């Protein structure tokens, strides 16, 4: 644990390359890399566009409490539900799973219910796409062999800024998701709607996509 904490201290002031981690911590290169990758998996550190390690979004969540990010998201999920007519959720990544930390369910009719606290895989569903698309390549490559989607799917998510899936997690269910970011641009989680394919459709409409993107932007602003 002391070694892992030394990695966190090493990136606290400014991002660090692997060579800089070794210099700042005094750890062997292989150990520093192994610990940094493990911490990255828990979102305690993140990879910058230049490949350096920096403090991850989970540190901010721990500082203000996971309940707080769920509360922030929850303020906007009811609006998203009422706008789209579908159940709305907010997910954060935890290793190889995603956790629902806030939800607003349809009050009647056929709906897809995901209770707060539910753990779902990072290998199926549009929220998994939205989270995984912005992770470093080595993280993605570890999960893709067991995924219901492909690397091309994630490229499309990065290009357009939202994700869509049909019957990946559950037969007959479609979902639409978008990433939520903190002030540094790191992905905090994913806002999502889900419901029967018959209502959401195999190709989402512009109004529904716009509603999800609006919710993503609103939660991102509130979380900064």
C-alpha atoms as a PDB file:
ATOM      1  CA  UNK A   1       0.000   0.000   0.000  1.00  0.00           C
ATOM      2  CA  UNK A   2       2.852   2.404   0.781  1.00  0.00           C
ATOM      3  CA  UNK A   3       4.165   1.943  -2.753  1.00  0.00           C
ATOM      4  CA  UNK A   4       0.750   2.663  -4.267  1.00  0.00           C
ATOM      5  CA  UNK A   5       0.418   5.796  -2.153  1.00  0.00           C
ATOM      6  CA  UNK A   6       3.834   6.936  -3.345  1.00  0.00           C
ATOM      7  CA  UNK A   7       2.526   6.766  -6.931  1.00  0.00           C
ATOM      8  CA  UNK A   8      -0.431   8.986  -5.974  1.00  0.00           C
ATOM      9  CA  UNK A   9       1.891  11.498  -4.319  1.00  0.00           C
ATOM     10  CA  UNK A  10       4.161  11.443  -7.368  1.00  0.00           C
ATOM     11  CA  UNK A  11       1.395  12.613  -9.713  1.00  0.00           C
ATOM     12  CA  UNK A  12      -0.337  14.970  -7.264  1.00  0.00           C
ATOM     13  CA  UNK A  13       1.471  18.135  -8.371  1.00  0.00           C
ATOM     14  CA  UNK A  14       1.912  17.434 -12.086  1.00  0.00           C
ATOM     15  CA  UNK A  15       1.548  14.494 -14.500  1.00  0.00           C
ATOM     16  CA  UNK A  16       4.410  12.008 -14.653  1.00  0.00           C
ATOM     17  CA  UNK A  17       5.753   9.709 -17.329  1.00  0.00           C
ATOM     18  CA  UNK A  18       6.872   6.235 -16.291  1.00  0.00           C
ATOM     19  CA  UNK A  19      10.477   7.427 -16.121  1.00  0.00           C
ATOM     20  CA  UNK A  20       9.408  10.327 -13.899  1.00  0.00           C
ATOM     21  CA  UNK A  21       7.420   7.984 -11.656  1.00  0.00           C
ATOM     22  CA  UNK A  22      10.548   5.895 -11.167  1.00  0.00           C
ATOM     23  CA  UNK A  23      12.588   9.003 -10.337  1.00  0.00           C
ATOM     24  CA  UNK A  24      10.011  10.492  -7.963  1.00  0.00           C
ATOM     25  CA  UNK A  25       9.179   7.275  -6.097  1.00  0.00           C
ATOM     26  CA  UNK A  26      12.466   5.361  -6.235  1.00  0.00           C
ATOM     27  CA  UNK A  27      10.511   2.257  -7.244  1.00  0.00           C
ATOM     28  CA  UNK A  28      11.778  -0.239  -9.831  1.00  0.00           C
ATOM     29  CA  UNK A  29      10.411   0.484 -13.296  1.00  0.00           C
ATOM     30  CA  UNK A  30       8.322  -2.716 -13.459  1.00  0.00           C
ATOM     31  CA  UNK A  31       6.813  -2.083 -10.014  1.00  0.00           C
ATOM     32  CA  UNK A  32       5.970   1.536 -10.793  1.00  0.00           C
ATOM     33  CA  UNK A  33       4.283   0.509 -14.046  1.00  0.00           C
ATOM     34  CA  UNK A  34       2.322  -2.333 -12.432  1.00  0.00           C
ATOM     35  CA  UNK A  35       1.030  -0.102  -9.622  1.00  0.00           C
ATOM     36  CA  UNK A  36       0.172   2.777 -11.949  1.00  0.00           C
ATOM     37  CA  UNK A  37      -1.834   0.465 -14.212  1.00  0.00           C
ATOM     38  CA  UNK A  38      -3.640  -1.010 -11.193  1.00  0.00           C
ATOM     39  CA  UNK A  39      -4.487   2.456  -9.862  1.00  0.00           C
ATOM     40  CA  UNK A  40      -5.655   3.443 -13.333  1.00  0.00           C
ATOM     41  CA  UNK A  41      -8.040   0.494 -13.330  1.00  0.00           C
ATOM     42  CA  UNK A  42      -9.684   1.961 -10.230  1.00  0.00           C
ATOM     43  CA  UNK A  43      -9.648   5.461 -11.759  1.00  0.00           C
ATOM     44  CA  UNK A  44      -7.337   6.776  -9.032  1.00  0.00           C
ATOM     45  CA  UNK A  45      -4.905   7.846 -11.734  1.00  0.00           C
ATOM     46  CA  UNK A  46      -5.608   8.482 -15.407  1.00  0.00           C
ATOM     47  CA  UNK A  47      -3.565   8.656 -18.589  1.00  0.00           C
ATOM     48  CA  UNK A  48      -3.234  12.056 -20.264  1.00  0.00           C
ATOM     49  CA  UNK A  49      -3.310  12.484 -24.040  1.00  0.00           C
ATOM     50  CA  UNK A  50       0.491  12.517 -23.924  1.00  0.00           C
ATOM     51  CA  UNK A  51       0.628   9.179 -22.090  1.00  0.00           C
ATOM     52  CA  UNK A  52       1.632  10.533 -18.674  1.00  0.00           C
ATOM     53  CA  UNK A  53      -0.180   9.590 -15.482  1.00  0.00           C
ATOM     54  CA  UNK A  54      -2.214  12.225 -13.614  1.00  0.00           C
ATOM     55  CA  UNK A  55      -4.674  12.169 -10.682  1.00  0.00           C
ATOM     56  CA  UNK A  56      -7.819  10.280 -11.673  1.00  0.00           C
ATOM     57  CA  UNK A  57     -11.495  11.219 -11.259  1.00  0.00           C
ATOM     58  CA  UNK A  58     -12.015   8.700  -8.449  1.00  0.00           C
ATOM     59  CA  UNK A  59      -9.814  10.828  -6.191  1.00  0.00           C
ATOM     60  CA  UNK A  60     -12.202  13.747  -6.582  1.00  0.00           C
ATOM     61  CA  UNK A  61     -15.152  11.422  -5.997  1.00  0.00           C
ATOM     62  CA  UNK A  62     -13.578  10.137  -2.789  1.00  0.00           C
ATOM     63  CA  UNK A  63     -12.927  13.696  -1.685  1.00  0.00           C
ATOM     64  CA  UNK A  64     -16.530  14.791  -2.102  1.00  0.00           C
ATOM     65  CA  UNK A  65     -18.094  11.338  -1.668  1.00  0.00           C
ATOM     66  CA  UNK A  66     -19.566   8.966  -4.261  1.00  0.00           C
ATOM     67  CA  UNK A  67     -22.987   9.795  -2.857  1.00  0.00           C
ATOM     68  CA  UNK A  68     -22.371  13.391  -3.910  1.00  0.00           C
ATOM     69  CA  UNK A  69     -21.767  12.603  -7.588  1.00  0.00           C
ATOM     70  CA  UNK A  70     -24.863  10.400  -7.461  1.00  0.00           C
ATOM     71  CA  UNK A  71     -26.812  13.250  -5.903  1.00  0.00           C
ATOM     72  CA  UNK A  72     -25.562  15.699  -8.541  1.00  0.00           C
ATOM     73  CA  UNK A  73     -26.548  13.323 -11.349  1.00  0.00           C
ATOM     74  CA  UNK A  74     -29.864  12.525  -9.720  1.00  0.00           C
ATOM     75  CA  UNK A  75     -30.959  16.154  -9.963  1.00  0.00           C
ATOM     76  CA  UNK A  76     -30.858  15.889 -13.749  1.00  0.00           C
ATOM     77  CA  UNK A  77     -32.079  12.316 -14.291  1.00  0.00           C
ATOM     78  CA  UNK A  78     -35.721  13.087 -13.558  1.00  0.00           C
ATOM     79  CA  UNK A  79     -35.672  15.777 -16.256  1.00  0.00           C
ATOM     80  CA  UNK A  80     -34.046  13.341 -18.684  1.00  0.00           C
ATOM     81  CA  UNK A  81     -36.648  10.693 -17.861  1.00  0.00           C
ATOM     82  CA  UNK A  82     -39.527  13.113 -18.334  1.00  0.00           C
ATOM     83  CA  UNK A  83     -38.081  14.470 -21.591  1.00  0.00           C
ATOM     84  CA  UNK A  84     -37.461  11.066 -23.187  1.00  0.00           C
ATOM     85  CA  UNK A  85     -40.121   8.969 -21.475  1.00  0.00           C
ATOM     86  CA  UNK A  86     -37.517   6.342 -20.580  1.00  0.00           C
ATOM     87  CA  UNK A  87     -35.771   5.241 -17.393  1.00  0.00           C
ATOM     88  CA  UNK A  88     -32.552   7.181 -16.757  1.00  0.00           C
ATOM     89  CA  UNK A  89     -29.383   6.105 -14.925  1.00  0.00           C
ATOM     90  CA  UNK A  90     -25.932   7.364 -14.019  1.00  0.00           C
ATOM     91  CA  UNK A  91     -22.996   4.921 -13.908  1.00  0.00           C
ATOM     92  CA  UNK A  92     -19.444   5.136 -12.617  1.00  0.00           C
ATOM     93  CA  UNK A  93     -16.742   2.661 -13.485  1.00  0.00           C
ATOM     94  CA  UNK A  94     -15.256   0.399 -10.821  1.00  0.00           C
ATOM     95  CA  UNK A  95     -12.607  -1.849 -12.353  1.00  0.00           C
ATOM     96  CA  UNK A  96     -14.243  -4.263 -14.786  1.00  0.00           C
ATOM     97  CA  UNK A  97     -17.764  -3.254 -13.725  1.00  0.00           C
ATOM     98  CA  UNK A  98     -19.951  -0.181 -13.800  1.00  0.00           C
ATOM     99  CA  UNK A  99     -22.075   0.795 -10.822  1.00  0.00           C
ATOM    100  CA  UNK A 100     -25.439   2.555 -10.996  1.00  0.00           C
ATOM    101  CA  UNK A 101     -25.201   5.398  -8.452  1.00  0.00           C
ATOM    102  CA  UNK A 102     -28.388   7.261  -9.429  1.00  0.00           C
ATOM    103  CA  UNK A 103     -31.586   6.392 -11.292  1.00  0.00           C
ATOM    104  CA  UNK A 104     -34.963   7.811 -12.246  1.00  0.00           C
ATOM    105  CA  UNK A 105     -37.455   5.151 -13.320  1.00  0.00           C
ATOM    106  CA  UNK A 106     -40.607   5.447 -15.382  1.00  0.00           C
ATOM    107  CA  UNK A 107     -43.581   5.389 -13.048  1.00  0.00           C
ATOM    108  CA  UNK A 108     -45.732   3.241 -15.324  1.00  0.00           C
ATOM    109  CA  UNK A 109     -45.670   1.089 -18.409  1.00  0.00           C
ATOM    110  CA  UNK A 110     -42.976  -1.223 -19.716  1.00  0.00           C
ATOM    111  CA  UNK A 111     -39.577  -0.088 -18.449  1.00  0.00           C
ATOM    112  CA  UNK A 112     -36.007  -1.205 -17.883  1.00  0.00           C
ATOM    113  CA  UNK A 113     -35.315  -1.044 -14.148  1.00  0.00           C
ATOM    114  CA  UNK A 114     -31.722  -0.736 -12.893  1.00  0.00           C
ATOM    115  CA  UNK A 115     -31.619  -0.262  -9.104  1.00  0.00           C
ATOM    116  CA  UNK A 116     -29.099   2.063  -7.477  1.00  0.00           C
ATOM    117  CA  UNK A 117     -26.116  -0.040  -6.400  1.00  0.00           C
ATOM    118  CA  UNK A 118     -26.465  -2.524  -9.257  1.00  0.00           C
ATOM    119  CA  UNK A 119     -23.177  -3.687 -10.778  1.00  0.00           C
ATOM    120  CA  UNK A 120     -23.156  -4.346 -14.498  1.00  0.00           C
ATOM    121  CA  UNK A 121     -20.305  -5.491 -16.754  1.00  0.00           C
ATOM    122  CA  UNK A 122     -18.074  -3.156 -18.737  1.00  0.00           C
ATOM    123  CA  UNK A 123     -18.461  -5.528 -21.679  1.00  0.00           C
ATOM    124  CA  UNK A 124     -22.067  -4.826 -22.726  1.00  0.00           C
ATOM    125  CA  UNK A 125     -24.447  -1.891 -22.989  1.00  0.00           C
ATOM    126  CA  UNK A 126     -24.132   1.679 -24.197  1.00  0.00           C
ATOM    127  CA  UNK A 127     -22.971   3.001 -20.802  1.00  0.00           C
ATOM    128  CA  UNK A 128     -20.050   0.573 -21.010  1.00  0.00           C
ATOM    129  CA  UNK A 129     -19.278   1.958 -24.498  1.00  0.00           C
ATOM    130  CA  UNK A 130     -19.356   5.541 -23.197  1.00  0.00           C
ATOM    131  CA  UNK A 131     -17.003   4.733 -20.314  1.00  0.00           C
ATOM    132  CA  UNK A 132     -14.637   2.416 -22.160  1.00  0.00           C
ATOM    133  CA  UNK A 133     -14.267   4.590 -25.270  1.00  0.00           C
ATOM    134  CA  UNK A 134     -12.186   7.131 -23.366  1.00  0.00           C
ATOM    135  CA  UNK A 135      -9.990   4.709 -21.442  1.00  0.00           C
ATOM    136  CA  UNK A 136      -6.342   4.038 -22.375  1.00  0.00           C
ATOM    137  CA  UNK A 137      -5.754   1.430 -25.079  1.00  0.00           C
ATOM    138  CA  UNK A 138      -4.267  -1.181 -22.748  1.00  0.00           C
ATOM    139  CA  UNK A 139      -7.362  -1.031 -20.517  1.00  0.00           C
ATOM    140  CA  UNK A 140      -9.623  -1.354 -23.540  1.00  0.00           C
ATOM    141  CA  UNK A 141      -7.646  -4.274 -24.939  1.00  0.00           C
ATOM    142  CA  UNK A 142      -8.065  -6.248 -21.707  1.00  0.00           C
ATOM    143  CA  UNK A 143     -11.849  -6.012 -21.864  1.00  0.00           C
ATOM    144  CA  UNK A 144     -12.557  -6.198 -25.610  1.00  0.00           C
ATOM    145  CA  UNK A 145     -12.052  -9.983 -26.021  1.00  0.00           C
ATOM    146  CA  UNK A 146     -15.115 -10.596 -23.814  1.00  0.00           C
ATOM    147  CA  UNK A 147     -17.147  -7.628 -25.028  1.00  0.00           C
ATOM    148  CA  UNK A 148     -20.366  -7.623 -27.042  1.00  0.00           C
ATOM    149  CA  UNK A 149     -18.963  -4.745 -29.125  1.00  0.00           C
ATOM    150  CA  UNK A 150     -15.809  -4.002 -31.083  1.00  0.00           C
ATOM    151  CA  UNK A 151     -13.017  -1.443 -31.188  1.00  0.00           C
ATOM    152  CA  UNK A 152     -14.860   0.197 -34.114  1.00  0.00           C
ATOM    153  CA  UNK A 153     -17.859   0.726 -31.824  1.00  0.00           C
ATOM    154  CA  UNK A 154     -15.652   2.686 -29.410  1.00  0.00           C
ATOM    155  CA  UNK A 155     -14.131   4.726 -32.242  1.00  0.00           C
ATOM    156  CA  UNK A 156     -17.639   5.747 -33.283  1.00  0.00           C
ATOM    157  CA  UNK A 157     -18.425   6.794 -29.690  1.00  0.00           C
ATOM    158  CA  UNK A 158     -15.324   8.983 -29.513  1.00  0.00           C
ATOM    159  CA  UNK A 159     -16.188  10.558 -32.864  1.00  0.00           C
ATOM    160  CA  UNK A 160     -19.837  11.433 -32.156  1.00  0.00           C
ATOM    161  CA  UNK A 161     -19.797  11.759 -28.338  1.00  0.00           C
ATOM    162  CA  UNK A 162     -22.597   9.310 -27.520  1.00  0.00           C
ATOM    163  CA  UNK A 163     -23.207   5.550 -27.497  1.00  0.00           C
ATOM    164  CA  UNK A 164     -26.132   3.329 -28.469  1.00  0.00           C
ATOM    165  CA  UNK A 165     -26.753  -0.372 -27.989  1.00  0.00           C
ATOM    166  CA  UNK A 166     -29.517  -2.835 -28.781  1.00  0.00           C
ATOM    167  CA  UNK A 167     -30.016  -6.099 -26.878  1.00  0.00           C
ATOM    168  CA  UNK A 168     -26.409  -6.253 -25.665  1.00  0.00           C
ATOM    169  CA  UNK A 169     -27.082  -6.475 -21.943  1.00  0.00           C
ATOM    170  CA  UNK A 170     -30.620  -7.828 -22.109  1.00  0.00           C
ATOM    171  CA  UNK A 171     -32.814  -9.083 -24.935  1.00  0.00           C
ATOM    172  CA  UNK A 172     -35.335  -6.527 -26.131  1.00  0.00           C
ATOM    173  CA  UNK A 173     -33.670  -3.596 -24.353  1.00  0.00           C
ATOM    174  CA  UNK A 174     -31.998  -0.623 -26.053  1.00  0.00           C
ATOM    175  CA  UNK A 175     -30.005   2.143 -24.402  1.00  0.00           C
ATOM    176  CA  UNK A 176     -28.365   5.456 -25.195  1.00  0.00           C
ATOM    177  CA  UNK A 177     -25.511   6.971 -23.151  1.00  0.00           C
ATOM    178  CA  UNK A 178     -23.023   9.842 -23.058  1.00  0.00           C
ATOM    179  CA  UNK A 179     -19.915  10.451 -20.943  1.00  0.00           C
ATOM    180  CA  UNK A 180     -19.856  12.997 -18.114  1.00  0.00           C
ATOM    181  CA  UNK A 181     -16.557  14.825 -17.544  1.00  0.00           C
ATOM    182  CA  UNK A 182     -14.917  16.814 -14.784  1.00  0.00           C
ATOM    183  CA  UNK A 183     -13.200  20.172 -15.225  1.00  0.00           C
ATOM    184  CA  UNK A 184     -10.009  18.546 -16.527  1.00  0.00           C
ATOM    185  CA  UNK A 185     -11.858  16.544 -19.172  1.00  0.00           C
ATOM    186  CA  UNK A 186     -11.516  13.207 -17.384  1.00  0.00           C
ATOM    187  CA  UNK A 187     -14.588  10.965 -17.608  1.00  0.00           C
ATOM    188  CA  UNK A 188     -16.451  10.806 -14.287  1.00  0.00           C
ATOM    189  CA  UNK A 189     -19.223   8.505 -15.432  1.00  0.00           C
ATOM    190  CA  UNK A 190     -21.941   7.984 -18.006  1.00  0.00           C
ATOM    191  CA  UNK A 191     -25.533   9.186 -18.124  1.00  0.00           C
ATOM    192  CA  UNK A 192     -27.897   6.744 -19.785  1.00  0.00           C
ATOM    193  CA  UNK A 193     -31.481   6.028 -20.747  1.00  0.00           C
ATOM    194  CA  UNK A 194     -32.823   2.531 -21.379  1.00  0.00           C
ATOM    195  CA  UNK A 195     -36.075   0.953 -22.437  1.00  0.00           C
ATOM    196  CA  UNK A 196     -37.737  -1.439 -24.879  1.00  0.00           C
ATOM    197  CA  UNK A 197     -36.337  -1.510 -28.394  1.00  0.00           C
ATOM    198  CA  UNK A 198     -39.856  -0.897 -29.687  1.00  0.00           C
ATOM    199  CA  UNK A 199     -39.818   2.577 -28.111  1.00  0.00           C
ATOM    200  CA  UNK A 200     -36.167   3.639 -28.305  1.00  0.00           C
ATOM    201  CA  UNK A 201     -35.657   2.086 -31.717  1.00  0.00           C
ATOM    202  CA  UNK A 202     -32.621   0.586 -33.374  1.00  0.00           C
ATOM    203  CA  UNK A 203     -31.576   4.043 -34.577  1.00  0.00           C
ATOM    204  CA  UNK A 204     -32.154   6.752 -31.946  1.00  0.00           C
ATOM    205  CA  UNK A 205     -33.791   9.983 -33.040  1.00  0.00           C
ATOM    206  CA  UNK A 206     -32.148  13.390 -32.883  1.00  0.00           C
ATOM    207  CA  UNK A 207     -34.410  14.591 -30.052  1.00  0.00           C
ATOM    208  CA  UNK A 208     -33.507  11.669 -27.797  1.00  0.00           C
ATOM    209  CA  UNK A 209     -29.791  12.013 -28.568  1.00  0.00           C
ATOM    210  CA  UNK A 210     -30.019  15.738 -27.834  1.00  0.00           C
ATOM    211  CA  UNK A 211     -31.728  15.104 -24.487  1.00  0.00           C
ATOM    212  CA  UNK A 212     -28.997  12.703 -23.364  1.00  0.00           C
ATOM    213  CA  UNK A 213     -26.232  15.069 -24.491  1.00  0.00           C
ATOM    214  CA  UNK A 214     -27.953  17.964 -22.686  1.00  0.00           C
ATOM    215  CA  UNK A 215     -28.090  15.890 -19.487  1.00  0.00           C
ATOM    216  CA  UNK A 216     -24.427  14.958 -19.883  1.00  0.00           C
ATOM    217  CA  UNK A 217     -23.452  18.620 -20.263  1.00  0.00           C
ATOM    218  CA  UNK A 218     -25.584  19.696 -17.307  1.00  0.00           C
ATOM    219  CA  UNK A 219     -24.139  17.059 -14.962  1.00  0.00           C
ATOM    220  CA  UNK A 220     -20.614  17.868 -16.158  1.00  0.00           C
ATOM    221  CA  UNK A 221     -21.106  21.548 -15.330  1.00  0.00           C
ATOM    222  CA  UNK A 222     -22.601  20.784 -11.924  1.00  0.00           C
ATOM    223  CA  UNK A 223     -19.786  18.378 -11.024  1.00  0.00           C
ATOM    224  CA  UNK A 224     -16.968  20.894 -11.613  1.00  0.00           C
END
